């Protein structure tokens, strides 16, 4: 099980990074998901998440 941290008020969408893929999705009335398969973009989102994780823990 992975750790989960929530920062309220940032965005109504969720983002997940899995390997070289980034999933951007929403659970609105009409759910949708966008998949980006790009190693550079996945690394960029991972770095972003690591930075936000540090902020959320403080």
Protein backbone atom coordinates (compact mmCIF):
# COMPACT_ATOMS: atom_id res chain seq x y z
CA UNK A 1 0.00 0.00 0.00
CA UNK A 2 1.31 3.43 -0.95
CA UNK A 3 1.15 6.48 1.30
CA UNK A 4 -1.45 9.10 0.47
CA UNK A 5 -1.29 12.80 1.32
CA UNK A 6 -3.95 15.34 0.39
CA UNK A 7 -3.43 19.04 -0.28
CA UNK A 8 -6.86 20.64 -0.32
CA UNK A 9 -7.90 23.19 -2.88
CA UNK A 10 -5.20 22.47 -5.45
CA UNK A 11 -7.20 20.82 -8.26
CA UNK A 12 -10.44 18.88 -8.79
CA UNK A 13 -8.55 16.27 -10.83
CA UNK A 14 -6.25 13.44 -9.79
CA UNK A 15 -2.90 12.50 -11.28
CA UNK A 16 -1.04 9.19 -11.07
CA UNK A 17 2.40 8.29 -12.44
CA UNK A 18 3.00 4.65 -13.35
CA UNK A 19 6.35 3.95 -14.98
CA UNK A 20 6.55 6.09 -18.12
CA UNK A 21 2.82 6.89 -18.10
CA UNK A 22 0.94 9.78 -16.49
CA UNK A 23 -2.80 9.39 -15.88
CA UNK A 24 -4.87 12.53 -15.38
CA UNK A 25 -8.44 11.81 -14.39
CA UNK A 26 -11.58 13.18 -12.80
CA UNK A 27 -14.58 11.57 -11.10
CA UNK A 28 -17.11 14.16 -12.22
CA UNK A 29 -20.59 13.28 -13.45
CA UNK A 30 -18.95 12.19 -16.71
CA UNK A 31 -15.62 10.64 -15.65
CA UNK A 32 -12.68 11.02 -18.01
CA UNK A 33 -9.03 10.03 -18.13
CA UNK A 34 -6.07 11.21 -20.18
CA UNK A 35 -3.00 8.95 -20.50
CA UNK A 36 0.35 10.42 -21.51
CA UNK A 37 3.04 7.85 -22.36
CA UNK A 38 6.30 9.81 -22.20
CA UNK A 39 9.26 9.09 -19.93
CA UNK A 40 10.33 12.75 -19.67
CA UNK A 41 6.85 13.92 -18.69
CA UNK A 42 6.52 11.09 -16.17
CA UNK A 43 9.86 12.07 -14.58
CA UNK A 44 8.74 15.71 -14.45
CA UNK A 45 5.49 14.81 -12.67
CA UNK A 46 7.40 12.54 -10.26
CA UNK A 47 9.71 15.42 -9.32
CA UNK A 48 6.69 17.69 -8.88
CA UNK A 49 4.96 15.13 -6.63
CA UNK A 50 8.08 14.64 -4.51
CA UNK A 51 8.27 18.41 -3.97
CA UNK A 52 4.56 18.67 -3.08
CA UNK A 53 4.88 15.65 -0.73
CA UNK A 54 7.56 17.49 1.24
CA UNK A 55 5.34 20.58 1.48
CA UNK A 56 2.30 18.54 2.56
CA UNK A 57 4.21 16.80 5.38
CA UNK A 58 5.17 20.13 7.01
